[in-house]
């Protein structure tokens, strides 16, 4: 019997998984790779047991999950990989079509809240594949796609760029929790394995945050980012989960319910 663990192949989690797979005994774990939206569904359907997961997945289904305390993918300001790119100023986007990725429901919901609640703007969200390669005027990119596109921003200089983490922090003064580590609550037969994994995850985070310079040498992002840029990106990310993070998560939930309503 193994613990089935979701593995998001984005640069933001590379340090954690890099250390986890090299410093810990993973013989009792089965890693299943996928983008956030895919892993969210697999976790919801019981196909995996634990995963870093979009915060909105937990907020929509809290009875299914337990939070692994002390861990998140958050930001206190710019996150560096959740960007709205637009040929128009954000204040002029009312009634526009915004092309969004299907990879992360949290980021799309956050953008909707930012536009409606913070700027009083109504936009139509249209799910598109590779909008950066189209003639779309305004689009949202997340994760490695956002990093790659923004790293070549001099080529795309006609567009304005908005970091959603930065806007959220400016408007609320609270961290934004993009992802949580959560486990299904119905895996009592694997509780010992889960307890072991939590200890390993704690160890992996502690080591990773001390060795970002070393880990950057092995990052796949070196294809289009310098090691210095990779480290700078990781330093923007807040991997903690404190009461303040939970207040930010609660505010997101309240805004989300108001937006849905």
C-alpha atoms as a PDB file:
ATOM      1  CA  UNK A   1       0.000   0.000   0.000  1.00  0.00           C
ATOM      2  CA  UNK A   2       1.300   3.409  -1.005  1.00  0.00           C
ATOM      3  CA  UNK A   3       0.227   6.979  -0.393  1.00  0.00           C
ATOM      4  CA  UNK A   4      -0.802   8.515  -3.719  1.00  0.00           C
ATOM      5  CA  UNK A   5       0.536  12.062  -3.881  1.00  0.00           C
ATOM      6  CA  UNK A   6      -0.289  14.713  -6.467  1.00  0.00           C
ATOM      7  CA  UNK A   7       2.717  16.448  -7.999  1.00  0.00           C
ATOM      8  CA  UNK A   8       2.243  19.802  -9.749  1.00  0.00           C
ATOM      9  CA  UNK A   9       5.094  20.218 -12.269  1.00  0.00           C
ATOM     10  CA  UNK A  10       5.357  23.988 -11.826  1.00  0.00           C
ATOM     11  CA  UNK A  11       8.484  25.903 -10.866  1.00  0.00           C
ATOM     12  CA  UNK A  12       6.855  27.166  -7.652  1.00  0.00           C
ATOM     13  CA  UNK A  13       6.908  23.662  -6.143  1.00  0.00           C
ATOM     14  CA  UNK A  14      10.147  22.454  -7.702  1.00  0.00           C
ATOM     15  CA  UNK A  15      12.267  23.119  -4.569  1.00  0.00           C
ATOM     16  CA  UNK A  16       9.894  21.143  -2.333  1.00  0.00           C
ATOM     17  CA  UNK A  17       9.630  18.096  -4.586  1.00  0.00           C
ATOM     18  CA  UNK A  18      13.334  18.224  -5.476  1.00  0.00           C
ATOM     19  CA  UNK A  19      14.316  17.849  -1.831  1.00  0.00           C
ATOM     20  CA  UNK A  20      11.457  15.501  -0.964  1.00  0.00           C
ATOM     21  CA  UNK A  21      12.475  12.991  -3.625  1.00  0.00           C
ATOM     22  CA  UNK A  22      16.187  13.180  -2.820  1.00  0.00           C
ATOM     23  CA  UNK A  23      16.342  13.562   0.957  1.00  0.00           C
ATOM     24  CA  UNK A  24      13.377  11.461   2.127  1.00  0.00           C
ATOM     25  CA  UNK A  25      12.429   7.810   1.853  1.00  0.00           C
ATOM     26  CA  UNK A  26       9.749   7.894  -0.824  1.00  0.00           C
ATOM     27  CA  UNK A  27       9.388   4.137  -1.225  1.00  0.00           C
ATOM     28  CA  UNK A  28       5.919   4.324   0.344  1.00  0.00           C
ATOM     29  CA  UNK A  29       4.755   7.099  -1.983  1.00  0.00           C
ATOM     30  CA  UNK A  30       3.390   7.115  -5.528  1.00  0.00           C
ATOM     31  CA  UNK A  31       3.693  10.523  -7.201  1.00  0.00           C
ATOM     32  CA  UNK A  32       1.048  11.419  -9.781  1.00  0.00           C
ATOM     33  CA  UNK A  33       1.879  14.421 -11.955  1.00  0.00           C
ATOM     34  CA  UNK A  34      -0.701  16.869 -13.283  1.00  0.00           C
ATOM     35  CA  UNK A  35      -1.739  20.499 -13.545  1.00  0.00           C
ATOM     36  CA  UNK A  36      -3.793  21.872 -10.617  1.00  0.00           C
ATOM     37  CA  UNK A  37      -7.227  21.418 -12.223  1.00  0.00           C
ATOM     38  CA  UNK A  38      -6.502  17.768 -13.058  1.00  0.00           C
ATOM     39  CA  UNK A  39      -5.126  16.954  -9.607  1.00  0.00           C
ATOM     40  CA  UNK A  40      -8.052  18.745  -7.960  1.00  0.00           C
ATOM     41  CA  UNK A  41     -10.476  16.387  -9.709  1.00  0.00           C
ATOM     42  CA  UNK A  42      -8.374  13.322  -8.960  1.00  0.00           C
ATOM     43  CA  UNK A  43      -8.252  14.262  -5.279  1.00  0.00           C
ATOM     44  CA  UNK A  44     -11.995  14.951  -5.214  1.00  0.00           C
ATOM     45  CA  UNK A  45     -12.690  11.594  -6.887  1.00  0.00           C
ATOM     46  CA  UNK A  46     -10.379   9.664  -4.533  1.00  0.00           C
ATOM     47  CA  UNK A  47      -7.857   8.769  -7.229  1.00  0.00           C
ATOM     48  CA  UNK A  48      -5.073  10.352  -5.148  1.00  0.00           C
ATOM     49  CA  UNK A  49      -4.824  10.789  -1.374  1.00  0.00           C
ATOM     50  CA  UNK A  50      -2.961  14.053  -0.829  1.00  0.00           C
ATOM     51  CA  UNK A  51      -1.813  16.912  -3.017  1.00  0.00           C
ATOM     52  CA  UNK A  52      -0.869  20.546  -3.246  1.00  0.00           C
ATOM     53  CA  UNK A  53      -4.236  21.778  -4.443  1.00  0.00           C
ATOM     54  CA  UNK A  54      -5.909  24.984  -5.552  1.00  0.00           C
ATOM     55  CA  UNK A  55      -7.255  26.776  -2.503  1.00  0.00           C
ATOM     56  CA  UNK A  56     -10.669  27.031  -4.151  1.00  0.00           C
ATOM     57  CA  UNK A  57     -10.873  23.223  -4.230  1.00  0.00           C
ATOM     58  CA  UNK A  58     -10.665  23.132  -0.444  1.00  0.00           C
ATOM     59  CA  UNK A  59     -13.077  26.052  -0.025  1.00  0.00           C
ATOM     60  CA  UNK A  60     -15.678  24.348  -2.216  1.00  0.00           C
ATOM     61  CA  UNK A  61     -15.336  20.922  -0.565  1.00  0.00           C
ATOM     62  CA  UNK A  62     -14.112  21.409   3.024  1.00  0.00           C
ATOM     63  CA  UNK A  63     -15.923  18.286   4.254  1.00  0.00           C
ATOM     64  CA  UNK A  64     -13.742  16.107   2.005  1.00  0.00           C
ATOM     65  CA  UNK A  65     -10.350  17.343   3.129  1.00  0.00           C
ATOM     66  CA  UNK A  66      -7.968  18.037   5.973  1.00  0.00           C
ATOM     67  CA  UNK A  67      -5.401  20.793   5.645  1.00  0.00           C
ATOM     68  CA  UNK A  68      -1.755  19.915   6.158  1.00  0.00           C
ATOM     69  CA  UNK A  69      -0.802  22.695   8.501  1.00  0.00           C
ATOM     70  CA  UNK A  70       2.170  24.971   7.897  1.00  0.00           C
ATOM     71  CA  UNK A  71       2.257  24.637   4.117  1.00  0.00           C
ATOM     72  CA  UNK A  72       0.889  26.679   1.228  1.00  0.00           C
ATOM     73  CA  UNK A  73       1.775  28.456  -1.979  1.00  0.00           C
ATOM     74  CA  UNK A  74       1.033  32.075  -1.120  1.00  0.00           C
ATOM     75  CA  UNK A  75       2.275  35.596  -1.668  1.00  0.00           C
ATOM     76  CA  UNK A  76       2.524  38.809   0.305  1.00  0.00           C
ATOM     77  CA  UNK A  77       2.668  41.006  -2.762  1.00  0.00           C
ATOM     78  CA  UNK A  78       3.827  39.960  -6.236  1.00  0.00           C
ATOM     79  CA  UNK A  79       3.711  36.219  -6.843  1.00  0.00           C
ATOM     80  CA  UNK A  80       5.625  36.462 -10.131  1.00  0.00           C
ATOM     81  CA  UNK A  81       3.712  33.777 -12.023  1.00  0.00           C
ATOM     82  CA  UNK A  82       0.028  34.782 -12.046  1.00  0.00           C
ATOM     83  CA  UNK A  83      -0.225  37.566 -14.612  1.00  0.00           C
ATOM     84  CA  UNK A  84      -2.939  39.394 -16.509  1.00  0.00           C
ATOM     85  CA  UNK A  85      -1.547  40.626 -19.825  1.00  0.00           C
ATOM     86  CA  UNK A  86      -3.544  43.307 -21.602  1.00  0.00           C
ATOM     87  CA  UNK A  87      -3.287  45.794 -24.448  1.00  0.00           C
ATOM     88  CA  UNK A  88      -5.660  47.988 -22.422  1.00  0.00           C
ATOM     89  CA  UNK A  89      -5.269  49.561 -19.003  1.00  0.00           C
ATOM     90  CA  UNK A  90      -7.136  47.483 -16.433  1.00  0.00           C
ATOM     91  CA  UNK A  91      -9.546  50.384 -15.839  1.00  0.00           C
ATOM     92  CA  UNK A  92     -10.636  50.160 -19.473  1.00  0.00           C
ATOM     93  CA  UNK A  93     -11.495  46.463 -19.523  1.00  0.00           C
ATOM     94  CA  UNK A  94     -15.216  46.757 -18.772  1.00  0.00           C
ATOM     95  CA  UNK A  95     -17.247  44.389 -21.011  1.00  0.00           C
ATOM     96  CA  UNK A  96     -14.046  42.930 -22.464  1.00  0.00           C
ATOM     97  CA  UNK A  97     -13.327  39.261 -23.078  1.00  0.00           C
ATOM     98  CA  UNK A  98     -10.503  37.908 -20.929  1.00  0.00           C
ATOM     99  CA  UNK A  99      -8.967  34.657 -22.130  1.00  0.00           C
ATOM    100  CA  UNK A 100      -8.071  32.401 -19.212  1.00  0.00           C
ATOM    101  CA  UNK A 101      -6.359  29.075 -18.645  1.00  0.00           C
ATOM    102  CA  UNK A 102      -8.250  25.977 -17.553  1.00  0.00           C
ATOM    103  CA  UNK A 103      -5.299  24.929 -15.394  1.00  0.00           C
ATOM    104  CA  UNK A 104      -6.204  26.820 -12.201  1.00  0.00           C
ATOM    105  CA  UNK A 105      -9.698  27.702 -11.054  1.00  0.00           C
ATOM    106  CA  UNK A 106      -8.299  29.712  -8.115  1.00  0.00           C
ATOM    107  CA  UNK A 107      -6.476  32.198 -10.337  1.00  0.00           C
ATOM    108  CA  UNK A 108      -9.522  32.699 -12.570  1.00  0.00           C
ATOM    109  CA  UNK A 109     -11.729  33.278  -9.516  1.00  0.00           C
ATOM    110  CA  UNK A 110      -9.185  35.711  -8.071  1.00  0.00           C
ATOM    111  CA  UNK A 111      -9.103  37.663 -11.344  1.00  0.00           C
ATOM    112  CA  UNK A 112     -12.908  37.807 -11.383  1.00  0.00           C
ATOM    113  CA  UNK A 113     -12.925  39.153  -7.804  1.00  0.00           C
ATOM    114  CA  UNK A 114     -10.209  41.708  -8.555  1.00  0.00           C
ATOM    115  CA  UNK A 115     -12.072  43.036 -11.586  1.00  0.00           C
ATOM    116  CA  UNK A 116     -15.533  43.108  -9.997  1.00  0.00           C
ATOM    117  CA  UNK A 117     -14.816  44.020  -6.379  1.00  0.00           C
ATOM    118  CA  UNK A 118     -11.693  46.152  -6.645  1.00  0.00           C
ATOM    119  CA  UNK A 119     -12.250  47.882  -9.999  1.00  0.00           C
ATOM    120  CA  UNK A 120     -16.014  47.606 -10.582  1.00  0.00           C
ATOM    121  CA  UNK A 121     -15.423  45.935 -13.933  1.00  0.00           C
ATOM    122  CA  UNK A 122     -17.496  43.219 -15.586  1.00  0.00           C
ATOM    123  CA  UNK A 123     -15.661  40.939 -18.014  1.00  0.00           C
ATOM    124  CA  UNK A 124     -16.434  37.688 -19.769  1.00  0.00           C
ATOM    125  CA  UNK A 125     -13.990  34.926 -18.904  1.00  0.00           C
ATOM    126  CA  UNK A 126     -13.328  32.673 -21.876  1.00  0.00           C
ATOM    127  CA  UNK A 127     -11.315  29.499 -21.411  1.00  0.00           C
ATOM    128  CA  UNK A 128      -8.679  29.346 -24.134  1.00  0.00           C
ATOM    129  CA  UNK A 129      -5.736  27.165 -24.942  1.00  0.00           C
ATOM    130  CA  UNK A 130      -2.443  29.019 -25.390  1.00  0.00           C
ATOM    131  CA  UNK A 131      -3.991  32.508 -25.573  1.00  0.00           C
ATOM    132  CA  UNK A 132      -0.493  34.011 -25.630  1.00  0.00           C
ATOM    133  CA  UNK A 133      -0.086  32.588 -29.122  1.00  0.00           C
ATOM    134  CA  UNK A 134      -3.322  34.146 -30.383  1.00  0.00           C
ATOM    135  CA  UNK A 135      -4.389  37.711 -31.120  1.00  0.00           C
ATOM    136  CA  UNK A 136      -6.275  37.935 -27.796  1.00  0.00           C
ATOM    137  CA  UNK A 137      -6.129  41.462 -26.389  1.00  0.00           C
ATOM    138  CA  UNK A 138      -6.313  40.385 -22.753  1.00  0.00           C
ATOM    139  CA  UNK A 139      -5.391  37.063 -21.202  1.00  0.00           C
ATOM    140  CA  UNK A 140      -4.400  35.400 -17.941  1.00  0.00           C
ATOM    141  CA  UNK A 141      -1.368  33.131 -17.689  1.00  0.00           C
ATOM    142  CA  UNK A 142      -0.320  31.112 -14.666  1.00  0.00           C
ATOM    143  CA  UNK A 143       2.599  29.016 -13.527  1.00  0.00           C
ATOM    144  CA  UNK A 144       5.410  28.195 -15.915  1.00  0.00           C
ATOM    145  CA  UNK A 145       3.501  29.600 -18.909  1.00  0.00           C
ATOM    146  CA  UNK A 146       3.406  32.991 -17.177  1.00  0.00           C
ATOM    147  CA  UNK A 147       7.089  32.778 -16.278  1.00  0.00           C
ATOM    148  CA  UNK A 148       8.089  31.924 -19.845  1.00  0.00           C
ATOM    149  CA  UNK A 149       5.976  34.655 -21.401  1.00  0.00           C
ATOM    150  CA  UNK A 150       7.064  37.335 -18.936  1.00  0.00           C
ATOM    151  CA  UNK A 151      10.728  36.353 -19.334  1.00  0.00           C
ATOM    152  CA  UNK A 152      10.429  37.434 -22.977  1.00  0.00           C
ATOM    153  CA  UNK A 153       8.421  40.520 -22.117  1.00  0.00           C
ATOM    154  CA  UNK A 154      10.571  42.846 -24.212  1.00  0.00           C
ATOM    155  CA  UNK A 155       9.175  40.961 -27.189  1.00  0.00           C
ATOM    156  CA  UNK A 156       5.608  41.514 -25.954  1.00  0.00           C
ATOM    157  CA  UNK A 157       6.133  45.045 -24.721  1.00  0.00           C
ATOM    158  CA  UNK A 158       2.899  46.391 -26.204  1.00  0.00           C
ATOM    159  CA  UNK A 159       0.980  44.732 -23.365  1.00  0.00           C
ATOM    160  CA  UNK A 160       0.553  45.883 -19.795  1.00  0.00           C
ATOM    161  CA  UNK A 161       1.227  43.282 -17.118  1.00  0.00           C
ATOM    162  CA  UNK A 162      -0.648  42.936 -13.836  1.00  0.00           C
ATOM    163  CA  UNK A 163       0.465  40.609 -11.031  1.00  0.00           C
ATOM    164  CA  UNK A 164      -2.673  39.321  -9.279  1.00  0.00           C
ATOM    165  CA  UNK A 165      -0.858  38.621  -6.022  1.00  0.00           C
ATOM    166  CA  UNK A 166       0.381  42.202  -5.924  1.00  0.00           C
ATOM    167  CA  UNK A 167      -3.089  43.669  -6.546  1.00  0.00           C
ATOM    168  CA  UNK A 168      -4.664  41.466  -3.861  1.00  0.00           C
ATOM    169  CA  UNK A 169      -2.090  42.475  -1.258  1.00  0.00           C
ATOM    170  CA  UNK A 170      -2.393  46.169  -2.128  1.00  0.00           C
ATOM    171  CA  UNK A 171      -6.183  46.057  -1.784  1.00  0.00           C
ATOM    172  CA  UNK A 172      -6.475  43.805   1.300  1.00  0.00           C
ATOM    173  CA  UNK A 173      -3.160  43.884   3.195  1.00  0.00           C
ATOM    174  CA  UNK A 174      -3.386  40.103   3.555  1.00  0.00           C
ATOM    175  CA  UNK A 175      -1.496  37.208   1.945  1.00  0.00           C
ATOM    176  CA  UNK A 176      -3.217  35.412  -0.900  1.00  0.00           C
ATOM    177  CA  UNK A 177      -3.227  31.627  -0.624  1.00  0.00           C
ATOM    178  CA  UNK A 178      -3.082  30.185  -4.122  1.00  0.00           C
ATOM    179  CA  UNK A 179      -2.681  26.565  -3.038  1.00  0.00           C
ATOM    180  CA  UNK A 180      -2.874  24.406   0.063  1.00  0.00           C
ATOM    181  CA  UNK A 181      -1.547  20.967   0.815  1.00  0.00           C
ATOM    182  CA  UNK A 182      -4.654  18.915   1.575  1.00  0.00           C
ATOM    183  CA  UNK A 183      -5.439  15.241   2.181  1.00  0.00           C
ATOM    184  CA  UNK A 184      -8.688  13.336   1.917  1.00  0.00           C
ATOM    185  CA  UNK A 185     -10.242  12.702   5.308  1.00  0.00           C
ATOM    186  CA  UNK A 186     -11.374   9.173   4.355  1.00  0.00           C
ATOM    187  CA  UNK A 187      -7.900   7.619   4.221  1.00  0.00           C
ATOM    188  CA  UNK A 188      -7.790   6.342   7.809  1.00  0.00           C
ATOM    189  CA  UNK A 189      -6.200   3.117   6.540  1.00  0.00           C
ATOM    190  CA  UNK A 190      -3.242   5.219   5.398  1.00  0.00           C
ATOM    191  CA  UNK A 191      -2.956   7.458   8.460  1.00  0.00           C
ATOM    192  CA  UNK A 192       0.519   6.212   9.374  1.00  0.00           C
ATOM    193  CA  UNK A 193       1.713   6.870   5.835  1.00  0.00           C
ATOM    194  CA  UNK A 194       0.144  10.328   5.924  1.00  0.00           C
ATOM    195  CA  UNK A 195       1.850  11.097   9.233  1.00  0.00           C
ATOM    196  CA  UNK A 196       5.182  10.021   7.719  1.00  0.00           C
ATOM    197  CA  UNK A 197       4.582  12.156   4.664  1.00  0.00           C
ATOM    198  CA  UNK A 198       3.760  15.223   6.753  1.00  0.00           C
ATOM    199  CA  UNK A 199       7.083  14.833   8.582  1.00  0.00           C
ATOM    200  CA  UNK A 200       8.883  14.422   5.254  1.00  0.00           C
ATOM    201  CA  UNK A 201       7.111  17.464   3.820  1.00  0.00           C
ATOM    202  CA  UNK A 202       8.127  19.537   6.837  1.00  0.00           C
ATOM    203  CA  UNK A 203      11.721  18.409   6.373  1.00  0.00           C
ATOM    204  CA  UNK A 204      11.658  19.065   2.629  1.00  0.00           C
ATOM    205  CA  UNK A 205      10.398  22.625   3.083  1.00  0.00           C
ATOM    206  CA  UNK A 206      12.939  23.403   5.791  1.00  0.00           C
ATOM    207  CA  UNK A 207      15.850  22.121   3.691  1.00  0.00           C
ATOM    208  CA  UNK A 208      14.605  23.607   0.413  1.00  0.00           C
ATOM    209  CA  UNK A 209      14.291  27.137   1.751  1.00  0.00           C
ATOM    210  CA  UNK A 210      17.897  26.982   2.935  1.00  0.00           C
ATOM    211  CA  UNK A 211      19.258  25.605  -0.340  1.00  0.00           C
ATOM    212  CA  UNK A 212      17.519  27.622  -3.064  1.00  0.00           C
ATOM    213  CA  UNK A 213      20.830  28.621  -4.629  1.00  0.00           C
ATOM    214  CA  UNK A 214      21.917  24.991  -4.937  1.00  0.00           C
ATOM    215  CA  UNK A 215      18.491  23.788  -6.124  1.00  0.00           C
ATOM    216  CA  UNK A 216      18.296  26.496  -8.796  1.00  0.00           C
ATOM    217  CA  UNK A 217      21.236  24.834 -10.553  1.00  0.00           C
ATOM    218  CA  UNK A 218      18.956  21.863 -11.283  1.00  0.00           C
ATOM    219  CA  UNK A 219      15.757  23.721 -12.208  1.00  0.00           C
ATOM    220  CA  UNK A 220      14.285  23.091 -15.677  1.00  0.00           C
ATOM    221  CA  UNK A 221      13.496  26.822 -15.763  1.00  0.00           C
ATOM    222  CA  UNK A 222      17.168  27.460 -16.584  1.00  0.00           C
ATOM    223  CA  UNK A 223      16.166  27.056 -20.238  1.00  0.00           C
ATOM    224  CA  UNK A 224      14.761  30.595 -20.222  1.00  0.00           C
ATOM    225  CA  UNK A 225      15.611  32.118 -16.819  1.00  0.00           C
ATOM    226  CA  UNK A 226      18.946  32.755 -15.130  1.00  0.00           C
ATOM    227  CA  UNK A 227      19.618  31.100 -11.776  1.00  0.00           C
ATOM    228  CA  UNK A 228      19.421  34.536 -10.182  1.00  0.00           C
ATOM    229  CA  UNK A 229      15.957  35.087 -11.687  1.00  0.00           C
ATOM    230  CA  UNK A 230      14.788  31.649 -10.530  1.00  0.00           C
ATOM    231  CA  UNK A 231      15.913  32.320  -6.957  1.00  0.00           C
ATOM    232  CA  UNK A 232      14.293  35.763  -7.038  1.00  0.00           C
ATOM    233  CA  UNK A 233      11.038  34.122  -8.134  1.00  0.00           C
ATOM    234  CA  UNK A 234      11.159  31.529  -5.348  1.00  0.00           C
ATOM    235  CA  UNK A 235      11.855  34.260  -2.805  1.00  0.00           C
ATOM    236  CA  UNK A 236       8.563  35.919  -3.770  1.00  0.00           C
ATOM    237  CA  UNK A 237       6.664  32.800  -2.775  1.00  0.00           C
ATOM    238  CA  UNK A 238       5.461  32.374   0.795  1.00  0.00           C
ATOM    239  CA  UNK A 239       5.393  28.657   1.632  1.00  0.00           C
ATOM    240  CA  UNK A 240       3.933  29.114   5.131  1.00  0.00           C
ATOM    241  CA  UNK A 241       0.371  28.826   6.439  1.00  0.00           C
ATOM    242  CA  UNK A 242      -0.135  31.086   9.458  1.00  0.00           C
ATOM    243  CA  UNK A 243      -3.297  32.563  11.018  1.00  0.00           C
ATOM    244  CA  UNK A 244      -2.753  35.604   8.795  1.00  0.00           C
ATOM    245  CA  UNK A 245      -2.743  33.394   5.707  1.00  0.00           C
ATOM    246  CA  UNK A 246      -5.983  31.831   6.890  1.00  0.00           C
ATOM    247  CA  UNK A 247      -7.525  35.293   7.284  1.00  0.00           C
ATOM    248  CA  UNK A 248      -6.578  35.983   3.681  1.00  0.00           C
ATOM    249  CA  UNK A 249      -8.096  32.644   2.660  1.00  0.00           C
ATOM    250  CA  UNK A 250     -11.281  33.434   4.584  1.00  0.00           C
ATOM    251  CA  UNK A 251     -11.556  36.839   2.887  1.00  0.00           C
ATOM    252  CA  UNK A 252     -11.114  35.189  -0.513  1.00  0.00           C
ATOM    253  CA  UNK A 253     -13.904  32.792   0.393  1.00  0.00           C
ATOM    254  CA  UNK A 254     -16.209  35.638   1.411  1.00  0.00           C
ATOM    255  CA  UNK A 255     -15.472  37.542  -1.803  1.00  0.00           C
ATOM    256  CA  UNK A 256     -15.927  34.345  -3.781  1.00  0.00           C
ATOM    257  CA  UNK A 257     -19.361  33.711  -2.289  1.00  0.00           C
ATOM    258  CA  UNK A 258     -20.381  37.305  -2.966  1.00  0.00           C
ATOM    259  CA  UNK A 259     -19.096  37.091  -6.542  1.00  0.00           C
ATOM    260  CA  UNK A 260     -20.878  33.810  -7.196  1.00  0.00           C
ATOM    261  CA  UNK A 261     -24.059  35.256  -5.731  1.00  0.00           C
END
